[in-house]
Amino acid sequence: MENAPVDSPATQTSNALNQTRDNLKLLGVFYIILGLLALPTLAFFGFHGQIMDQLLQAAPDPETRDAIAKLVNVSFIGLVVFIIVHVVSCIYIGVCFRKQRHHTLCVVAAAFCCLSFPLGTILGVFSLVVLMKEEAKQLFGKTIPIE
């Protein structure tokens, strides 16, 4: 009977590191895609002016109309800024995953991503699982390999 080849511990460690590196790069791509998926929501805000003009035509009092318009405009500006920050941060986090930089930032981003149900939750949980592995910490330079 032939003996099955046994991988040495160094080979197993190398395989685990390569697999974790591949997982981090894939997660980075998914974060970039998640950020880009938020961009189409900005198209709605392009029609904001026409929609608000039509809705405010029914307001009888010009003061009320102006107050409502200011409130809605400030809200929409805040939402646009929030979406732009979300897109830029998702893309940056994706790059950090791909380059194995800023481990703590990636962990925090993955935790916050869990709040975005359903795609963000799935992505965040998988990210946290991968980031908590010793191999990932080693790739990010958080631990010193023991030989």
N, C-alpha and C. Protein backbone atom coordinates (compact mmCIF):
# COMPACT_ATOMS: atom_id res chain seq x y z
N MET A 1 0.83 -1.16 0.00
CA MET A 1 0.00 0.00 0.00
C MET A 1 0.89 1.24 0.00
N GLU A 2 0.53 2.18 -0.85
CA GLU A 2 1.34 3.39 -0.94
C GLU A 2 0.92 4.40 0.11
N ASN A 3 1.90 5.10 0.60
CA ASN A 3 1.61 6.16 1.56
C ASN A 3 1.22 7.43 0.81
N ALA A 4 0.20 8.09 1.31
CA ALA A 4 -0.21 9.35 0.70
C ALA A 4 0.83 10.42 1.01
N PRO A 5 1.14 11.26 0.01
CA PRO A 5 2.13 12.31 0.29
C PRO A 5 1.58 13.28 1.34
N VAL A 6 2.44 13.58 2.28
CA VAL A 6 2.05 14.48 3.36
C VAL A 6 2.72 15.83 3.11
N ASP A 7 1.91 16.87 3.11
CA ASP A 7 2.47 18.21 2.94
C ASP A 7 3.19 18.62 4.20
N SER A 8 4.30 19.26 4.00
CA SER A 8 5.05 19.75 5.15
C SER A 8 4.32 20.96 5.74
N PRO A 9 4.58 21.28 7.00
CA PRO A 9 3.93 22.44 7.61
C PRO A 9 4.20 23.73 6.84
N ALA A 10 5.38 23.85 6.27
CA ALA A 10 5.72 25.06 5.50
C ALA A 10 4.85 25.15 4.25
N THR A 11 4.60 24.01 3.60
CA THR A 11 3.75 23.99 2.41
C THR A 11 2.31 24.33 2.78
N GLN A 12 1.83 23.77 3.89
CA GLN A 12 0.47 24.06 4.33
C GLN A 12 0.31 25.54 4.66
N THR A 13 1.31 26.12 5.32
CA THR A 13 1.27 27.54 5.65
C THR A 13 1.28 28.38 4.39
N SER A 14 2.10 27.99 3.44
CA SER A 14 2.17 28.72 2.18
C SER A 14 0.84 28.65 1.43
N ASN A 15 0.22 27.46 1.42
CA ASN A 15 -1.08 27.30 0.76
C ASN A 15 -2.15 28.14 1.46
N ALA A 16 -2.13 28.16 2.79
CA ALA A 16 -3.11 28.95 3.54
C ALA A 16 -2.92 30.43 3.28
N LEU A 17 -1.67 30.87 3.21
CA LEU A 17 -1.40 32.28 2.92
C LEU A 17 -1.88 32.66 1.52
N ASN A 18 -1.61 31.80 0.56
CA ASN A 18 -2.04 32.07 -0.82
C ASN A 18 -3.56 32.11 -0.92
N GLN A 19 -4.23 31.18 -0.24
CA GLN A 19 -5.69 31.16 -0.28
C GLN A 19 -6.26 32.41 0.39
N THR A 20 -5.70 32.81 1.51
CA THR A 20 -6.18 34.00 2.20
C THR A 20 -5.91 35.24 1.37
N ARG A 21 -4.75 35.30 0.72
CA ARG A 21 -4.44 36.43 -0.17
C ARG A 21 -5.46 36.51 -1.30
N ASP A 22 -5.79 35.37 -1.89
CA ASP A 22 -6.80 35.36 -2.95
C ASP A 22 -8.17 35.80 -2.43
N ASN A 23 -8.52 35.34 -1.23
CA ASN A 23 -9.80 35.75 -0.63
C ASN A 23 -9.84 37.26 -0.38
N LEU A 24 -8.74 37.82 0.10
CA LEU A 24 -8.69 39.26 0.35
C LEU A 24 -8.82 40.05 -0.95
N LYS A 25 -8.18 39.57 -2.00
CA LYS A 25 -8.28 40.27 -3.29
C LYS A 25 -9.71 40.19 -3.83
N LEU A 26 -10.35 39.05 -3.68
CA LEU A 26 -11.74 38.90 -4.13
C LEU A 26 -12.67 39.79 -3.31
N LEU A 27 -12.47 39.83 -2.00
CA LEU A 27 -13.28 40.71 -1.16
C LEU A 27 -13.08 42.17 -1.55
N GLY A 28 -11.85 42.52 -1.92
CA GLY A 28 -11.58 43.88 -2.38
C GLY A 28 -12.39 44.23 -3.61
N VAL A 29 -12.47 43.30 -4.54
CA VAL A 29 -13.28 43.52 -5.75
C VAL A 29 -14.75 43.70 -5.38
N PHE A 30 -15.23 42.89 -4.44
CA PHE A 30 -16.63 43.01 -4.03
C PHE A 30 -16.92 44.34 -3.35
N TYR A 31 -15.98 44.87 -2.57
CA TYR A 31 -16.18 46.19 -1.96
C TYR A 31 -16.22 47.28 -3.01
N ILE A 32 -15.37 47.17 -4.02
CA ILE A 32 -15.39 48.15 -5.10
C ILE A 32 -16.72 48.09 -5.84
N ILE A 33 -17.21 46.88 -6.11
CA ILE A 33 -18.50 46.73 -6.78
C ILE A 33 -19.63 47.28 -5.92
N LEU A 34 -19.58 47.03 -4.61
CA LEU A 34 -20.60 47.56 -3.70
C LEU A 34 -20.63 49.08 -3.75
N GLY A 35 -19.46 49.69 -3.78
CA GLY A 35 -19.41 51.15 -3.89
C GLY A 35 -19.98 51.65 -5.21
N LEU A 36 -19.64 50.97 -6.28
CA LEU A 36 -20.14 51.39 -7.60
C LEU A 36 -21.65 51.17 -7.75
N LEU A 37 -22.19 50.19 -7.01
CA LEU A 37 -23.64 49.97 -7.07
C LEU A 37 -24.43 51.12 -6.45
N ALA A 38 -23.79 51.91 -5.60
CA ALA A 38 -24.47 53.04 -4.97
C ALA A 38 -24.54 54.25 -5.90
N LEU A 39 -23.73 54.28 -6.94
CA LEU A 39 -23.71 55.43 -7.84
C LEU A 39 -25.04 55.71 -8.55
N PRO A 40 -25.76 54.70 -9.03
CA PRO A 40 -27.02 54.99 -9.72
C PRO A 40 -28.06 55.71 -8.85
N THR A 41 -27.93 55.61 -7.52
CA THR A 41 -28.89 56.33 -6.68
C THR A 41 -28.73 57.83 -6.82
N LEU A 42 -27.57 58.28 -7.27
CA LEU A 42 -27.37 59.72 -7.47
C LEU A 42 -28.19 60.24 -8.64
N ALA A 43 -28.59 59.36 -9.57
CA ALA A 43 -29.39 59.79 -10.71
C ALA A 43 -30.74 60.35 -10.25
N PHE A 44 -31.28 59.80 -9.17
CA PHE A 44 -32.54 60.30 -8.63
C PHE A 44 -32.43 61.77 -8.25
N PHE A 45 -31.29 62.14 -7.68
CA PHE A 45 -31.13 63.51 -7.22
C PHE A 45 -30.98 64.50 -8.37
N GLY A 46 -30.69 64.01 -9.57
CA GLY A 46 -30.67 64.87 -10.74
C GLY A 46 -32.05 65.39 -11.09
N PHE A 47 -33.08 64.64 -10.75
CA PHE A 47 -34.45 65.05 -11.03
C PHE A 47 -35.09 65.76 -9.84
N HIS A 48 -34.33 65.97 -8.80
CA HIS A 48 -34.84 66.56 -7.56
C HIS A 48 -35.52 67.90 -7.81
N GLY A 49 -34.91 68.76 -8.62
CA GLY A 49 -35.46 70.09 -8.85
C GLY A 49 -36.83 70.06 -9.49
N GLN A 50 -36.98 69.28 -10.55
CA GLN A 50 -38.27 69.21 -11.24
C GLN A 50 -39.35 68.60 -10.36
N ILE A 51 -39.00 67.57 -9.62
CA ILE A 51 -39.99 66.92 -8.74
C ILE A 51 -40.45 67.89 -7.65
N MET A 52 -39.50 68.59 -7.04
CA MET A 52 -39.86 69.51 -5.96
C MET A 52 -40.69 70.68 -6.49
N ASP A 53 -40.36 71.20 -7.67
CA ASP A 53 -41.17 72.29 -8.24
C ASP A 53 -42.61 71.86 -8.43
N GLN A 54 -42.81 70.65 -8.92
CA GLN A 54 -44.17 70.16 -9.14
C GLN A 54 -44.91 69.97 -7.82
N LEU A 55 -44.23 69.44 -6.82
CA LEU A 55 -44.88 69.20 -5.53
C LEU A 55 -45.19 70.50 -4.79
N LEU A 56 -44.32 71.47 -4.91
CA LEU A 56 -44.51 72.71 -4.16
C LEU A 56 -45.49 73.68 -4.83
N GLN A 57 -45.91 73.41 -6.05
CA GLN A 57 -46.89 74.26 -6.71
C GLN A 57 -48.20 74.28 -5.94
N ALA A 58 -48.47 73.19 -5.23
CA ALA A 58 -49.75 73.09 -4.50
C ALA A 58 -49.73 73.83 -3.17
N ALA A 59 -48.55 74.26 -2.71
CA ALA A 59 -48.47 74.96 -1.43
C ALA A 59 -49.09 76.37 -1.57
N PRO A 60 -50.06 76.71 -0.73
CA PRO A 60 -50.75 77.99 -0.89
C PRO A 60 -49.92 79.19 -0.43
N ASP A 61 -49.08 79.01 0.56
CA ASP A 61 -48.34 80.11 1.15
C ASP A 61 -46.89 80.11 0.63
N PRO A 62 -46.42 81.25 0.08
CA PRO A 62 -45.04 81.29 -0.42
C PRO A 62 -43.99 81.09 0.67
N GLU A 63 -44.26 81.55 1.89
CA GLU A 63 -43.31 81.34 2.99
C GLU A 63 -43.16 79.86 3.32
N THR A 64 -44.31 79.19 3.37
CA THR A 64 -44.29 77.74 3.64
C THR A 64 -43.55 77.02 2.53
N ARG A 65 -43.81 77.41 1.30
CA ARG A 65 -43.17 76.79 0.14
C ARG A 65 -41.65 76.96 0.23
N ASP A 66 -41.20 78.16 0.57
CA ASP A 66 -39.76 78.42 0.66
C ASP A 66 -39.12 77.64 1.80
N ALA A 67 -39.81 77.57 2.94
CA ALA A 67 -39.28 76.84 4.08
C ALA A 67 -39.16 75.35 3.78
N ILE A 68 -40.19 74.81 3.15
CA ILE A 68 -40.15 73.39 2.79
C ILE A 68 -39.05 73.14 1.76
N ALA A 69 -38.93 74.03 0.79
CA ALA A 69 -37.90 73.87 -0.25
C ALA A 69 -36.51 73.89 0.35
N LYS A 70 -36.25 74.81 1.30
CA LYS A 70 -34.93 74.88 1.94
C LYS A 70 -34.65 73.60 2.73
N LEU A 71 -35.62 73.14 3.47
CA LEU A 71 -35.45 71.93 4.27
C LEU A 71 -35.16 70.72 3.38
N VAL A 72 -35.93 70.59 2.32
CA VAL A 72 -35.73 69.45 1.42
C VAL A 72 -34.40 69.55 0.69
N ASN A 73 -34.02 70.74 0.29
CA ASN A 73 -32.74 70.92 -0.41
C ASN A 73 -31.56 70.57 0.49
N VAL A 74 -31.61 71.01 1.74
CA VAL A 74 -30.53 70.67 2.67
C VAL A 74 -30.49 69.16 2.90
N SER A 75 -31.65 68.52 3.01
CA SER A 75 -31.69 67.07 3.19
C SER A 75 -31.10 66.34 1.99
N PHE A 76 -31.47 66.79 0.80
CA PHE A 76 -30.93 66.14 -0.40
C PHE A 76 -29.44 66.36 -0.54
N ILE A 77 -28.96 67.53 -0.20
CA ILE A 77 -27.51 67.78 -0.27
C ILE A 77 -26.79 66.86 0.71
N GLY A 78 -27.35 66.72 1.91
CA GLY A 78 -26.76 65.81 2.89
C GLY A 78 -26.73 64.37 2.39
N LEU A 79 -27.81 63.93 1.75
CA LEU A 79 -27.85 62.57 1.21
C LEU A 79 -26.85 62.38 0.08
N VAL A 80 -26.72 63.37 -0.78
CA VAL A 80 -25.77 63.27 -1.89
C VAL A 80 -24.34 63.17 -1.34
N VAL A 81 -24.02 64.02 -0.36
CA VAL A 81 -22.68 63.96 0.24
C VAL A 81 -22.46 62.60 0.91
N PHE A 82 -23.47 62.09 1.61
CA PHE A 82 -23.36 60.79 2.26
C PHE A 82 -23.11 59.69 1.23
N ILE A 83 -23.82 59.71 0.13
CA ILE A 83 -23.65 58.67 -0.90
C ILE A 83 -22.28 58.76 -1.53
N ILE A 84 -21.81 59.97 -1.80
CA ILE A 84 -20.48 60.13 -2.38
C ILE A 84 -19.40 59.64 -1.42
N VAL A 85 -19.54 59.95 -0.14
CA VAL A 85 -18.58 59.46 0.86
C VAL A 85 -18.63 57.93 0.92
N HIS A 86 -19.84 57.36 0.86
CA HIS A 86 -20.00 55.90 0.87
C HIS A 86 -19.29 55.27 -0.33
N VAL A 87 -19.49 55.82 -1.50
CA VAL A 87 -18.87 55.27 -2.71
C VAL A 87 -17.35 55.33 -2.61
N VAL A 88 -16.83 56.50 -2.24
CA VAL A 88 -15.38 56.67 -2.16
C VAL A 88 -14.79 55.76 -1.09
N SER A 89 -15.45 55.67 0.07
CA SER A 89 -14.91 54.82 1.13
C SER A 89 -14.96 53.34 0.76
N CYS A 90 -16.02 52.89 0.10
CA CYS A 90 -16.09 51.48 -0.33
C CYS A 90 -14.96 51.17 -1.32
N ILE A 91 -14.73 52.08 -2.24
CA ILE A 91 -13.66 51.86 -3.22
C ILE A 91 -12.30 51.84 -2.51
N TYR A 92 -12.11 52.76 -1.56
CA TYR A 92 -10.84 52.79 -0.83
C TYR A 92 -10.64 51.53 0.00
N ILE A 93 -11.71 51.07 0.65
CA ILE A 93 -11.62 49.84 1.44
C ILE A 93 -11.31 48.65 0.52
N GLY A 94 -11.92 48.63 -0.66
CA GLY A 94 -11.61 47.57 -1.62
C GLY A 94 -10.15 47.57 -2.01
N VAL A 95 -9.59 48.75 -2.22
CA VAL A 95 -8.16 48.85 -2.54
C VAL A 95 -7.31 48.38 -1.35
N CYS A 96 -7.72 48.75 -0.14
CA CYS A 96 -6.98 48.31 1.06
C CYS A 96 -7.00 46.79 1.18
N PHE A 97 -8.14 46.17 0.89
CA PHE A 97 -8.22 44.71 0.92
C PHE A 97 -7.27 44.12 -0.12
N ARG A 98 -7.30 44.66 -1.31
CA ARG A 98 -6.48 44.09 -2.39
C ARG A 98 -4.99 44.24 -2.12
N LYS A 99 -4.59 45.34 -1.46
CA LYS A 99 -3.17 45.57 -1.19
C LYS A 99 -2.75 45.11 0.20
N GLN A 100 -3.67 44.56 0.98
CA GLN A 100 -3.42 44.12 2.35
C GLN A 100 -2.80 45.24 3.18
N ARG A 101 -3.53 46.35 3.25
CA ARG A 101 -3.11 47.51 4.03
C ARG A 101 -4.23 47.89 5.00
N HIS A 102 -3.89 48.45 6.14
CA HIS A 102 -4.83 49.02 7.11
C HIS A 102 -5.83 47.97 7.62
N HIS A 103 -5.33 46.98 8.32
CA HIS A 103 -6.15 45.88 8.83
C HIS A 103 -7.28 46.38 9.72
N THR A 104 -6.99 47.27 10.65
CA THR A 104 -8.01 47.75 11.57
C THR A 104 -9.11 48.50 10.82
N LEU A 105 -8.74 49.30 9.86
CA LEU A 105 -9.73 50.01 9.05
C LEU A 105 -10.62 49.03 8.30
N CYS A 106 -10.04 47.97 7.78
CA CYS A 106 -10.82 46.96 7.05
C CYS A 106 -11.79 46.24 7.99
N VAL A 107 -11.36 45.97 9.22
CA VAL A 107 -12.23 45.31 10.19
C VAL A 107 -13.41 46.23 10.54
N VAL A 108 -13.12 47.50 10.78
CA VAL A 108 -14.19 48.46 11.12
C VAL A 108 -15.15 48.61 9.94
N ALA A 109 -14.61 48.71 8.73
CA ALA A 109 -15.47 48.84 7.55
C ALA A 109 -16.33 47.60 7.35
N ALA A 110 -15.76 46.43 7.60
CA ALA A 110 -16.54 45.19 7.47
C ALA A 110 -17.66 45.15 8.49
N ALA A 111 -17.39 45.62 9.70
CA ALA A 111 -18.43 45.65 10.73
C ALA A 111 -19.55 46.61 10.35
N PHE A 112 -19.20 47.79 9.84
CA PHE A 112 -20.23 48.73 9.40
C PHE A 112 -20.97 48.22 8.17
N CYS A 113 -20.27 47.50 7.33
CA CYS A 113 -20.89 46.96 6.12
C CYS A 113 -21.99 45.97 6.47
N CYS A 114 -21.88 45.32 7.62
CA CYS A 114 -22.91 44.37 8.06
C CYS A 114 -24.27 45.04 8.25
N LEU A 115 -24.28 46.35 8.46
CA LEU A 115 -25.53 47.07 8.66
C LEU A 115 -26.32 47.25 7.35
N SER A 116 -25.66 47.08 6.23
CA SER A 116 -26.29 47.29 4.93
C SER A 116 -26.88 45.97 4.43
N PHE A 117 -28.12 45.71 4.82
CA PHE A 117 -28.77 44.44 4.51
C PHE A 117 -29.25 44.44 3.07
N PRO A 118 -29.18 43.39 2.33
CA PRO A 118 -28.63 42.05 2.54
C PRO A 118 -27.20 41.90 2.00
N LEU A 119 -26.85 42.62 0.92
CA LEU A 119 -25.53 42.40 0.31
C LEU A 119 -24.40 42.78 1.25
N GLY A 120 -24.54 43.91 1.93
CA GLY A 120 -23.50 44.35 2.84
C GLY A 120 -23.32 43.41 4.01
N THR A 121 -24.41 42.83 4.47
CA THR A 121 -24.32 41.89 5.59
C THR A 121 -23.52 40.66 5.19
N ILE A 122 -23.80 40.13 4.04
CA ILE A 122 -23.07 38.95 3.56
C ILE A 122 -21.60 39.29 3.36
N LEU A 123 -21.33 40.41 2.71
CA LEU A 123 -19.95 40.82 2.46
C LEU A 123 -19.22 41.11 3.76
N GLY A 124 -19.89 41.77 4.69
CA GLY A 124 -19.27 42.11 5.97
C GLY A 124 -18.92 40.89 6.80
N VAL A 125 -19.83 39.93 6.84
CA VAL A 125 -19.57 38.71 7.63
C VAL A 125 -18.41 37.93 7.04
N PHE A 126 -18.42 37.74 5.72
CA PHE A 126 -17.31 37.01 5.10
C PHE A 126 -16.00 37.76 5.29
N SER A 127 -16.05 39.08 5.22
CA SER A 127 -14.83 39.87 5.42
C SER A 127 -14.29 39.69 6.83
N LEU A 128 -15.18 39.72 7.81
CA LEU A 128 -14.74 39.55 9.20
C LEU A 128 -14.15 38.16 9.43
N VAL A 129 -14.76 37.15 8.82
CA VAL A 129 -14.24 35.79 8.96
C VAL A 129 -12.82 35.70 8.39
N VAL A 130 -12.62 36.27 7.22
CA VAL A 130 -11.29 36.21 6.60
C VAL A 130 -10.29 37.07 7.38
N LEU A 131 -10.71 38.26 7.80
CA LEU A 131 -9.79 39.18 8.48
C LEU A 131 -9.34 38.67 9.85
N MET A 132 -10.13 37.83 10.49
CA MET A 132 -9.77 37.33 11.81
C MET A 132 -8.80 36.15 11.76
N LYS A 133 -8.56 35.61 10.59
CA LYS A 133 -7.61 34.50 10.47
C LYS A 133 -6.19 35.00 10.71
N GLU A 134 -5.37 34.13 11.28
CA GLU A 134 -3.96 34.48 11.52
C GLU A 134 -3.23 34.78 10.21
N GLU A 135 -3.59 34.05 9.16
CA GLU A 135 -2.93 34.27 7.87
C GLU A 135 -3.20 35.68 7.36
N ALA A 136 -4.44 36.16 7.55
CA ALA A 136 -4.77 37.51 7.10
C ALA A 136 -4.00 38.54 7.91
N LYS A 137 -3.92 38.33 9.21
CA LYS A 137 -3.17 39.25 10.05
C LYS A 137 -1.70 39.26 9.64
N GLN A 138 -1.20 38.10 9.28
CA GLN A 138 0.19 38.01 8.83
C GLN A 138 0.37 38.76 7.51
N LEU A 139 -0.58 38.61 6.58
CA LEU A 139 -0.49 39.31 5.31
C LEU A 139 -0.56 40.82 5.48
N PHE A 140 -1.34 41.27 6.45
CA PHE A 140 -1.45 42.69 6.72
C PHE A 140 -0.26 43.21 7.53
N GLY A 141 0.61 42.28 7.97
CA GLY A 141 1.77 42.67 8.73
C GLY A 141 1.48 42.89 10.20
N LYS A 142 0.38 42.33 10.69
CA LYS A 142 0.00 42.50 12.09
C LYS A 142 0.72 41.54 13.02
N THR A 143 1.12 40.38 12.51
CA THR A 143 1.82 39.41 13.36
C THR A 143 3.14 39.04 12.72
N ILE A 144 4.05 38.60 13.52
CA ILE A 144 5.35 38.16 13.02
C ILE A 144 5.30 36.63 12.94
N PRO A 145 5.57 36.07 11.76
CA PRO A 145 5.52 34.62 11.64
C PRO A 145 6.57 33.94 12.52
N ILE A 146 6.16 32.87 13.18
CA ILE A 146 7.06 32.10 14.03
C ILE A 146 7.59 30.92 13.21
N GLU A 147 8.89 30.80 13.18
CA GLU A 147 9.46 29.72 12.38
C GLU A 147 10.16 28.72 13.24
